[in-house]
PDB file of N, CA and C in Angstrom:
ATOM      1  N   GLN A   1       2.655  21.615  -9.279  1.00  0.00           N
ATOM      2  CA  GLN A   1       2.990  22.113  -7.956  1.00  0.00           C
ATOM      3  C   GLN A   1       3.178  20.948  -6.978  1.00  0.00           C
ATOM      4  N   PHE A   2       2.278  19.981  -7.014  1.00  0.00           N
ATOM      5  CA  PHE A   2       2.411  18.815  -6.132  1.00  0.00           C
ATOM      6  C   PHE A   2       3.740  18.115  -6.355  1.00  0.00           C
ATOM      7  N   VAL A   3       4.139  17.973  -7.607  1.00  0.00           N
ATOM      8  CA  VAL A   3       5.382  17.269  -7.928  1.00  0.00           C
ATOM      9  C   VAL A   3       6.566  17.923  -7.224  1.00  0.00           C
ATOM     10  N   ASP A   4       6.641  19.256  -7.297  1.00  0.00           N
ATOM     11  CA  ASP A   4       7.743  19.970  -6.629  1.00  0.00           C
ATOM     12  C   ASP A   4       7.667  19.829  -5.117  1.00  0.00           C
ATOM     13  N   GLN A   5       6.461  19.949  -4.570  1.00  0.00           N
ATOM     14  CA  GLN A   5       6.295  19.828  -3.118  1.00  0.00           C
ATOM     15  C   GLN A   5       6.660  18.426  -2.640  1.00  0.00           C
ATOM     16  N   TYR A   6       6.252  17.441  -3.419  1.00  0.00           N
ATOM     17  CA  TYR A   6       6.577  16.054  -3.070  1.00  0.00           C
ATOM     18  C   TYR A   6       8.092  15.847  -3.070  1.00  0.00           C
ATOM     19  N   ALA A   7       8.757  16.293  -4.126  1.00  0.00           N
ATOM     20  CA  ALA A   7      10.209  16.117  -4.236  1.00  0.00           C
ATOM     21  C   ALA A   7      10.920  16.811  -3.084  1.00  0.00           C
ATOM     22  N   GLU A   8      10.504  18.033  -2.782  1.00  0.00           N
ATOM     23  CA  GLU A   8      11.147  18.781  -1.696  1.00  0.00           C
ATOM     24  C   GLU A   8      10.906  18.127  -0.341  1.00  0.00           C
ATOM     25  N   ALA A   9       9.678  17.688  -0.095  1.00  0.00           N
ATOM     26  CA  ALA A   9       9.353  17.043   1.181  1.00  0.00           C
ATOM     27  C   ALA A   9      10.116  15.732   1.328  1.00  0.00           C
ATOM     28  N   TYR A  10      10.095  14.938   0.270  1.00  0.00           N
ATOM     29  CA  TYR A  10      10.763  13.634   0.310  1.00  0.00           C
ATOM     30  C   TYR A  10      12.263  13.795   0.519  1.00  0.00           C
ATOM     31  N   CYS A  11      12.873  14.669  -0.269  1.00  0.00           N
ATOM     32  CA  CYS A  11      14.324  14.839  -0.179  1.00  0.00           C
ATOM     33  C   CYS A  11      14.727  15.487   1.143  1.00  0.00           C
ATOM     34  N   GLY A  12      13.872  16.373   1.650  1.00  0.00           N
ATOM     35  CA  GLY A  12      14.131  16.948   2.963  1.00  0.00           C
ATOM     36  C   GLY A  12      14.124  15.882   4.035  1.00  0.00           C
ATOM     37  N   TRP A  13      13.173  14.955   3.921  1.00  0.00           N
ATOM     38  CA  TRP A  13      13.084  13.847   4.879  1.00  0.00           C
ATOM     39  C   TRP A  13      14.327  12.958   4.798  1.00  0.00           C
ATOM     40  N   VAL A  14      14.714  12.600   3.584  1.00  0.00           N
ATOM     41  CA  VAL A  14      15.896  11.738   3.404  1.00  0.00           C
ATOM     42  C   VAL A  14      17.136  12.446   3.956  1.00  0.00           C
ATOM     43  N   GLU A  15      17.248  13.740   3.677  1.00  0.00           N
ATOM     44  CA  GLU A  15      18.398  14.508   4.160  1.00  0.00           C
ATOM     45  C   GLU A  15      18.408  14.569   5.685  1.00  0.00           C
ATOM     46  N   ASN A  16      17.251  14.832   6.295  1.00  0.00           N
ATOM     47  CA  ASN A  16      17.162  14.889   7.756  1.00  0.00           C
ATOM     48  C   ASN A  16      17.518  13.554   8.394  1.00  0.00           C
ATOM     49  N   CYS A  17      17.264  12.488   7.685  1.00  0.00           N
ATOM     50  CA  CYS A  17      17.574  11.155   8.205  1.00  0.00           C
ATOM     51  C   CYS A  17      19.030  10.774   7.953  1.00  0.00           C
ATOM     52  N   GLY A  18      19.755  11.627   7.267  1.00  0.00           N
ATOM     53  CA  GLY A  18      21.158  11.327   6.996  1.00  0.00           C
ATOM     54  C   GLY A  18      21.357  10.252   5.937  1.00  0.00           C
ATOM     55  N   LYS A  19      20.341  10.043   5.105  1.00  0.00           N
ATOM     56  CA  LYS A  19      20.422   8.986   4.094  1.00  0.00           C
ATOM     57  C   LYS A  19      20.547   9.544   2.678  1.00  0.00           C
ATOM     58  N   LEU A  20      20.707  10.859   2.562  1.00  0.00           N
ATOM     59  CA  LEU A  20      20.730  11.479   1.246  1.00  0.00           C
ATOM     60  C   LEU A  20      21.871  10.943   0.389  1.00  0.00           C
ATOM     61  N   ALA A  21      23.069  10.915   0.954  1.00  0.00           N
ATOM     62  CA  ALA A  21      24.238  10.489   0.184  1.00  0.00           C
ATOM     63  C   ALA A  21      24.105   9.043  -0.294  1.00  0.00           C
ATOM     64  N   GLU A  22      23.673   8.161   0.598  1.00  0.00           N
ATOM     65  CA  GLU A  22      23.585   6.744   0.210  1.00  0.00           C
ATOM     66  C   GLU A  22      22.429   6.479  -0.748  1.00  0.00           C
ATOM     67  N   GLN A  23      21.341   7.252  -0.651  1.00  0.00           N
ATOM     68  CA  GLN A  23      20.191   7.020  -1.516  1.00  0.00           C
ATOM     69  C   GLN A  23      20.312   7.708  -2.874  1.00  0.00           C
ATOM     70  N   PHE A  24      20.796   8.961  -2.865  1.00  0.00           N
ATOM     71  CA  PHE A  24      20.760   9.745  -4.094  1.00  0.00           C
ATOM     72  C   PHE A  24      22.055  10.463  -4.438  1.00  0.00           C
ATOM     73  N   GLY A  25      22.922  10.662  -3.474  1.00  0.00           N
ATOM     74  CA  GLY A  25      24.137  11.425  -3.727  1.00  0.00           C
ATOM     75  C   GLY A  25      23.979  12.849  -3.239  1.00  0.00           C
ATOM     76  N   THR A  26      23.376  13.701  -4.059  1.00  0.00           N
ATOM     77  CA  THR A  26      23.211  15.101  -3.677  1.00  0.00           C
ATOM     78  C   THR A  26      21.731  15.459  -3.604  1.00  0.00           C
ATOM     79  N   LEU A  27      21.464  16.607  -3.006  1.00  0.00           N
ATOM     80  CA  LEU A  27      20.083  17.076  -2.909  1.00  0.00           C
ATOM     81  C   LEU A  27      19.504  17.316  -4.302  1.00  0.00           C
ATOM     82  N   ASP A  28      20.298  17.891  -5.190  1.00  0.00           N
ATOM     83  CA  ASP A  28      19.822  18.125  -6.563  1.00  0.00           C
ATOM     84  C   ASP A  28      19.458  16.823  -7.264  1.00  0.00           C
ATOM     85  N   GLU A  29      20.282  15.801  -7.068  1.00  0.00           N
ATOM     86  CA  GLU A  29      20.002  14.498  -7.696  1.00  0.00           C
ATOM     87  C   GLU A  29      18.719  13.901  -7.125  1.00  0.00           C
ATOM     88  N   CYS A  30      18.524  14.076  -5.837  1.00  0.00           N
ATOM     89  CA  CYS A  30      17.307  13.580  -5.199  1.00  0.00           C
ATOM     90  C   CYS A  30      16.091  14.306  -5.761  1.00  0.00           C
ATOM     91  N   LEU A  31      16.161  15.626  -5.834  1.00  0.00           N
ATOM     92  CA  LEU A  31      15.033  16.408  -6.340  1.00  0.00           C
ATOM     93  C   LEU A  31      14.687  16.012  -7.772  1.00  0.00           C
ATOM     94  N   THR A  32      15.709  15.820  -8.593  1.00  0.00           N
ATOM     95  CA  THR A  32      15.477  15.403  -9.979  1.00  0.00           C
ATOM     96  C   THR A  32      14.826  14.024 -10.018  1.00  0.00           C
ATOM     97  N   ASN A  33      15.379  13.095  -9.252  1.00  0.00           N
ATOM     98  CA  ASN A  33      14.871  11.725  -9.210  1.00  0.00           C
ATOM     99  C   ASN A  33      13.410  11.697  -8.767  1.00  0.00           C
ATOM    100  N   ARG A  34      13.095  12.392  -7.691  1.00  0.00           N
ATOM    101  CA  ARG A  34      11.736  12.372  -7.140  1.00  0.00           C
ATOM    102  C   ARG A  34      10.759  13.135  -8.026  1.00  0.00           C
ATOM    103  N   THR A  35      11.227  14.185  -8.698  1.00  0.00           N
ATOM    104  CA  THR A  35      10.355  14.926  -9.613  1.00  0.00           C
ATOM    105  C   THR A  35       9.953  14.031 -10.776  1.00  0.00           C
ATOM    106  N   VAL A  36      10.916  13.338 -11.342  1.00  0.00           N
ATOM    107  CA  VAL A  36      10.642  12.419 -12.453  1.00  0.00           C
ATOM    108  C   VAL A  36       9.704  11.298 -11.983  1.00  0.00           C
ATOM    109  N   PHE A  37       9.996  10.754 -10.806  1.00  0.00           N
ATOM    110  CA  PHE A  37       9.157   9.686 -10.253  1.00  0.00           C
ATOM    111  C   PHE A  37       7.720  10.176 -10.058  1.00  0.00           C
ATOM    112  N   ALA A  38       7.570  11.344  -9.450  1.00  0.00           N
ATOM    113  CA  ALA A  38       6.226  11.856  -9.168  1.00  0.00           C
ATOM    114  C   ALA A  38       5.457  12.147 -10.448  1.00  0.00           C
ATOM    115  N   GLN A  39       6.141  12.692 -11.451  1.00  0.00           N
ATOM    116  CA  GLN A  39       5.467  12.972 -12.721  1.00  0.00           C
ATOM    117  C   GLN A  39       5.016  11.688 -13.392  1.00  0.00           C
ATOM    118  N   ALA A  40       5.857  10.670 -13.340  1.00  0.00           N
ATOM    119  CA  ALA A  40       5.548   9.410 -14.025  1.00  0.00           C
ATOM    120  C   ALA A  40       4.587   8.525 -13.243  1.00  0.00           C
ATOM    121  N   GLU A  41       4.790   8.451 -11.921  1.00  0.00           N
ATOM    122  CA  GLU A  41       4.035   7.490 -11.116  1.00  0.00           C
ATOM    123  C   GLU A  41       2.880   8.089 -10.315  1.00  0.00           C
ATOM    124  N   LEU A  42       3.076   9.299  -9.785  1.00  0.00           N
ATOM    125  CA  LEU A  42       2.080   9.861  -8.881  1.00  0.00           C
ATOM    126  C   LEU A  42       1.065  10.761  -9.588  1.00  0.00           C
ATOM    127  N   THR A  43       1.482  11.397 -10.691  1.00  0.00           N
ATOM    128  CA  THR A  43       0.556  12.290 -11.400  1.00  0.00           C
ATOM    129  C   THR A  43       0.644  12.097 -12.908  1.00  0.00           C
ATOM    130  N   PRO A  44       0.482  10.869 -13.393  1.00  0.00           N
ATOM    131  CA  PRO A  44       0.558  10.662 -14.841  1.00  0.00           C
ATOM    132  C   PRO A  44      -0.551  11.428 -15.570  1.00  0.00           C
ATOM    133  N   ALA A  45      -0.282  11.769 -16.787  1.00  0.00           N
ATOM    134  CA  ALA A  45      -1.283  12.474 -17.594  1.00  0.00           C
ATOM    135  C   ALA A  45      -2.517  11.595 -17.779  1.00  0.00           C
ATOM    136  N   ASP A  46      -3.656  12.228 -18.006  1.00  0.00           N
ATOM    137  CA  ASP A  46      -4.913  11.531 -18.278  1.00  0.00           C
ATOM    138  C   ASP A  46      -5.428  10.705 -17.105  1.00  0.00           C
ATOM    139  N   CYS A  47      -5.018  11.072 -15.893  1.00  0.00           N
ATOM    140  CA  CYS A  47      -5.514  10.365 -14.717  1.00  0.00           C
ATOM    141  C   CYS A  47      -6.217  11.348 -13.803  1.00  0.00           C
ATOM    142  N   ASP A  48      -7.147  10.846 -13.028  1.00  0.00           N
ATOM    143  CA  ASP A  48      -7.808  11.707 -12.056  1.00  0.00           C
ATOM    144  C   ASP A  48      -6.821  12.063 -10.958  1.00  0.00           C
ATOM    145  N   TYR A  49      -6.819  13.341 -10.571  1.00  0.00           N
ATOM    146  CA  TYR A  49      -5.893  13.862  -9.570  1.00  0.00           C
ATOM    147  C   TYR A  49      -6.675  14.232  -8.321  1.00  0.00           C
ATOM    148  N   SER A  50      -6.169  13.832  -7.163  1.00  0.00           N
ATOM    149  CA  SER A  50      -6.851  14.132  -5.904  1.00  0.00           C
ATOM    150  C   SER A  50      -6.049  15.147  -5.093  1.00  0.00           C
ATOM    151  N   PRO A  51      -6.476  16.413  -5.090  1.00  0.00           N
ATOM    152  CA  PRO A  51      -5.777  17.426  -4.297  1.00  0.00           C
ATOM    153  C   PRO A  51      -5.735  17.082  -2.808  1.00  0.00           C
ATOM    154  N   LYS A  52      -6.797  16.448  -2.318  1.00  0.00           N
ATOM    155  CA  LYS A  52      -6.848  16.074  -0.900  1.00  0.00           C
ATOM    156  C   LYS A  52      -5.764  15.041  -0.579  1.00  0.00           C
ATOM    157  N   ALA A  53      -5.659  14.016  -1.408  1.00  0.00           N
ATOM    158  CA  ALA A  53      -4.624  13.003  -1.188  1.00  0.00           C
ATOM    159  C   ALA A  53      -3.239  13.621  -1.334  1.00  0.00           C
ATOM    160  N   ALA A  54      -3.082  14.553  -2.267  1.00  0.00           N
ATOM    161  CA  ALA A  54      -1.787  15.204  -2.473  1.00  0.00           C
ATOM    162  C   ALA A  54      -1.366  15.953  -1.214  1.00  0.00           C
ATOM    163  N   LYS A  55      -2.306  16.683  -0.634  1.00  0.00           N
ATOM    164  CA  LYS A  55      -2.013  17.445   0.581  1.00  0.00           C
ATOM    165  C   LYS A  55      -1.652  16.504   1.731  1.00  0.00           C
ATOM    166  N   THR A  56      -2.416  15.430   1.872  1.00  0.00           N
ATOM    167  CA  THR A  56      -2.150  14.450   2.922  1.00  0.00           C
ATOM    168  C   THR A  56      -0.779  13.803   2.725  1.00  0.00           C
ATOM    169  N   CYS A  57      -0.461  13.483   1.487  1.00  0.00           N
ATOM    170  CA  CYS A  57       0.824  12.879   1.145  1.00  0.00           C
ATOM    171  C   CYS A  57       1.978  13.765   1.623  1.00  0.00           C
ATOM    172  N   ILE A  58       1.938  15.048   1.275  1.00  0.00           N
ATOM    173  CA  ILE A  58       3.001  15.984   1.649  1.00  0.00           C
ATOM    174  C   ILE A  58       3.087  16.115   3.167  1.00  0.00           C
ATOM    175  N   THR A  59       1.939  16.259   3.815  1.00  0.00           N
ATOM    176  CA  THR A  59       1.906  16.406   5.274  1.00  0.00           C
ATOM    177  C   THR A  59       2.497  15.182   5.964  1.00  0.00           C
ATOM    178  N   GLU A  60       2.114  13.997   5.485  1.00  0.00           N
ATOM    179  CA  GLU A  60       2.598  12.768   6.121  1.00  0.00           C
ATOM    180  C   GLU A  60       4.097  12.576   5.917  1.00  0.00           C
ATOM    181  N   ILE A  61       4.624  12.990   4.783  1.00  0.00           N
ATOM    182  CA  ILE A  61       6.075  12.905   4.578  1.00  0.00           C
ATOM    183  C   ILE A  61       6.777  13.830   5.564  1.00  0.00           C
ATOM    184  N   LYS A  62       6.274  15.059   5.681  1.00  0.00           N
ATOM    185  CA  LYS A  62       6.900  16.041   6.580  1.00  0.00           C
ATOM    186  C   LYS A  62       6.797  15.615   8.037  1.00  0.00           C
ATOM    187  N   ASP A  63       5.717  14.918   8.394  1.00  0.00           N
ATOM    188  CA  ASP A  63       5.494  14.520   9.780  1.00  0.00           C
ATOM    189  C   ASP A  63       6.119  13.170  10.127  1.00  0.00           C
ATOM    190  N   ASN A  64       6.683  12.499   9.145  1.00  0.00           N
ATOM    191  CA  ASN A  64       7.249  11.161   9.360  1.00  0.00           C
ATOM    192  C   ASN A  64       8.536  11.266  10.175  1.00  0.00           C
ATOM    193  N   GLU A  65       8.506  10.730  11.376  1.00  0.00           N
ATOM    194  CA  GLU A  65       9.691  10.798  12.234  1.00  0.00           C
ATOM    195  C   GLU A  65      10.516   9.527  12.167  1.00  0.00           C
ATOM    196  N   SER A  66      10.029   8.543  11.458  1.00  0.00           N
ATOM    197  CA  SER A  66      10.781   7.317  11.282  1.00  0.00           C
ATOM    198  C   SER A  66      11.788   7.516  10.156  1.00  0.00           C
ATOM    199  N   CYS A  67      12.953   6.946  10.306  1.00  0.00           N
ATOM    200  CA  CYS A  67      13.928   7.046   9.228  1.00  0.00           C
ATOM    201  C   CYS A  67      14.057   5.733   8.463  1.00  0.00           C
ATOM    202  N   ASN A  68      13.001   4.943   8.517  1.00  0.00           N
ATOM    203  CA  ASN A  68      12.959   3.702   7.752  1.00  0.00           C
ATOM    204  C   ASN A  68      12.621   4.066   6.307  1.00  0.00           C
ATOM    205  N   ILE A  69      13.551   3.819   5.406  1.00  0.00           N
ATOM    206  CA  ILE A  69      13.376   4.212   4.006  1.00  0.00           C
ATOM    207  C   ILE A  69      12.142   3.542   3.401  1.00  0.00           C
ATOM    208  N   ASN A  70      11.723   2.420   3.949  1.00  0.00           N
ATOM    209  CA  ASN A  70      10.539   1.734   3.432  1.00  0.00           C
ATOM    210  C   ASN A  70       9.244   2.453   3.791  1.00  0.00           C
ATOM    211  N   SER A  71       9.315   3.362   4.758  1.00  0.00           N
ATOM    212  CA  SER A  71       8.116   4.114   5.131  1.00  0.00           C
ATOM    213  C   SER A  71       8.166   5.525   4.553  1.00  0.00           C
ATOM    214  N   ALA A  72       9.050   5.732   3.589  1.00  0.00           N
ATOM    215  CA  ALA A  72       9.259   7.072   3.041  1.00  0.00           C
ATOM    216  C   ALA A  72       8.057   7.601   2.279  1.00  0.00           C
ATOM    217  N   MET A  73       7.297   6.719   1.666  1.00  0.00           N
ATOM    218  CA  MET A  73       6.154   7.177   0.889  1.00  0.00           C
ATOM    219  C   MET A  73       4.862   6.729   1.558  1.00  0.00           C
ATOM    220  N   PRO A  74       4.162   7.664   2.191  1.00  0.00           N
ATOM    221  CA  PRO A  74       2.895   7.317   2.835  1.00  0.00           C
ATOM    222  C   PRO A  74       1.876   6.792   1.826  1.00  0.00           C
ATOM    223  N   GLU A  75       0.938   6.028   2.325  1.00  0.00           N
ATOM    224  CA  GLU A  75      -0.085   5.446   1.452  1.00  0.00           C
ATOM    225  C   GLU A  75      -0.862   6.521   0.704  1.00  0.00           C
ATOM    226  N   ALA A  76      -1.063   7.675   1.343  1.00  0.00           N
ATOM    227  CA  ALA A  76      -1.812   8.757   0.693  1.00  0.00           C
ATOM    228  C   ALA A  76      -1.174   9.153  -0.636  1.00  0.00           C
ATOM    229  N   CYS A  77       0.144   9.025  -0.732  1.00  0.00           N
ATOM    230  CA  CYS A  77       0.829   9.417  -1.968  1.00  0.00           C
ATOM    231  C   CYS A  77       0.417   8.524  -3.140  1.00  0.00           C
ATOM    232  N   THR A  78       0.065   7.287  -2.835  1.00  0.00           N
ATOM    233  CA  THR A  78      -0.355   6.379  -3.898  1.00  0.00           C
ATOM    234  C   THR A  78      -1.789   6.647  -4.331  1.00  0.00           C
ATOM    235  N   GLU A  79      -2.483   7.522  -3.600  1.00  0.00           N
ATOM    236  CA  GLU A  79      -3.882   7.821  -3.907  1.00  0.00           C
ATOM    237  C   GLU A  79      -4.041   9.162  -4.617  1.00  0.00           C
ATOM    238  N   VAL A  80      -2.928   9.847  -4.884  1.00  0.00           N
ATOM    239  CA  VAL A  80      -2.972  11.155  -5.537  1.00  0.00           C
ATOM    240  C   VAL A  80      -3.514  11.015  -6.956  1.00  0.00           C
ATOM    241  N   SER A  81      -3.133   9.944  -7.611  1.00  0.00           N
ATOM    242  CA  SER A  81      -3.591   9.695  -8.969  1.00  0.00           C
ATOM    243  C   SER A  81      -4.421   8.430  -9.019  1.00  0.00           C
ATOM    244  N   SER A  82      -5.445   8.447  -9.852  1.00  0.00           N
ATOM    245  CA  SER A  82      -6.273   7.258 -10.011  1.00  0.00           C
ATOM    246  C   SER A  82      -5.514   6.156 -10.756  1.00  0.00           C
ATOM    247  N   CYS A  83      -4.360   6.492 -11.313  1.00  0.00           N
ATOM    248  CA  CYS A  83      -3.618   5.524 -12.120  1.00  0.00           C
ATOM    249  C   CYS A  83      -2.417   4.912 -11.407  1.00  0.00           C
ATOM    250  N   PHE A  84      -2.160   5.281 -10.152  1.00  0.00           N
ATOM    251  CA  PHE A  84      -0.956   4.761  -9.504  1.00  0.00           C
ATOM    252  C   PHE A  84      -0.962   3.245  -9.498  1.00  0.00           C
ATOM    253  N   GLY A  85       0.152   2.654  -9.934  1.00  0.00           N
ATOM    254  CA  GLY A  85       0.269   1.202  -9.929  1.00  0.00           C
ATOM    255  C   GLY A  85      -0.537   0.526 -11.008  1.00  0.00           C
ATOM    256  N   ASP A  86      -1.155   1.318 -11.876  1.00  0.00           N
ATOM    257  CA  ASP A  86      -1.948   0.742 -12.970  1.00  0.00           C
ATOM    258  C   ASP A  86      -1.013   0.370 -14.111  1.00  0.00           C
ATOM    259  N   THR A  87      -0.874  -0.898 -14.337  1.00  0.00           N
ATOM    260  CA  THR A  87       0.045  -1.348 -15.382  1.00  0.00           C
ATOM    261  C   THR A  87      -0.663  -1.489 -16.713  1.00  0.00           C
ATOM    262  N   GLY A  88      -1.896  -1.058 -16.768  1.00  0.00           N
ATOM    263  CA  GLY A  88      -2.617  -1.126 -18.025  1.00  0.00           C
ATOM    264  C   GLY A  88      -3.310  -2.448 -18.234  1.00  0.00           C
ATOM    265  N   GLY A  89      -3.175  -3.369 -17.270  1.00  0.00           N
ATOM    266  CA  GLY A  89      -3.787  -4.672 -17.424  1.00  0.00           C
ATOM    267  C   GLY A  89      -5.134  -4.634 -16.800  1.00  0.00           C
TER     268      GLY A  89
END
C-alpha cells in the first residue's frame, strides 16, 4: 500500500510542478518508475518497515510546495525501511 501511495504522491507532485514530461514522460511511466523504486529501495524484503515514517513520507511529499526536484524525496522516506541505502557492506 505504501508503494502505491508513494508513487501517486510523488508523481502528483512532479505533475503539479510541470516536470512530468521532462522527468518521466507520462504519468503511467512515472507511476511504474516510482513503484519499482519504492519496492526496491524504500521497502525491500526482509527489512524492518516503519508505518510512521511511511505516513510522514507521503504527507511531506504532498505538502512540498517547492518544485526543486532535489527536494522531491523527504528524509522521512529514507526511514521507511531499515535497509535504505544499505549496500550490504
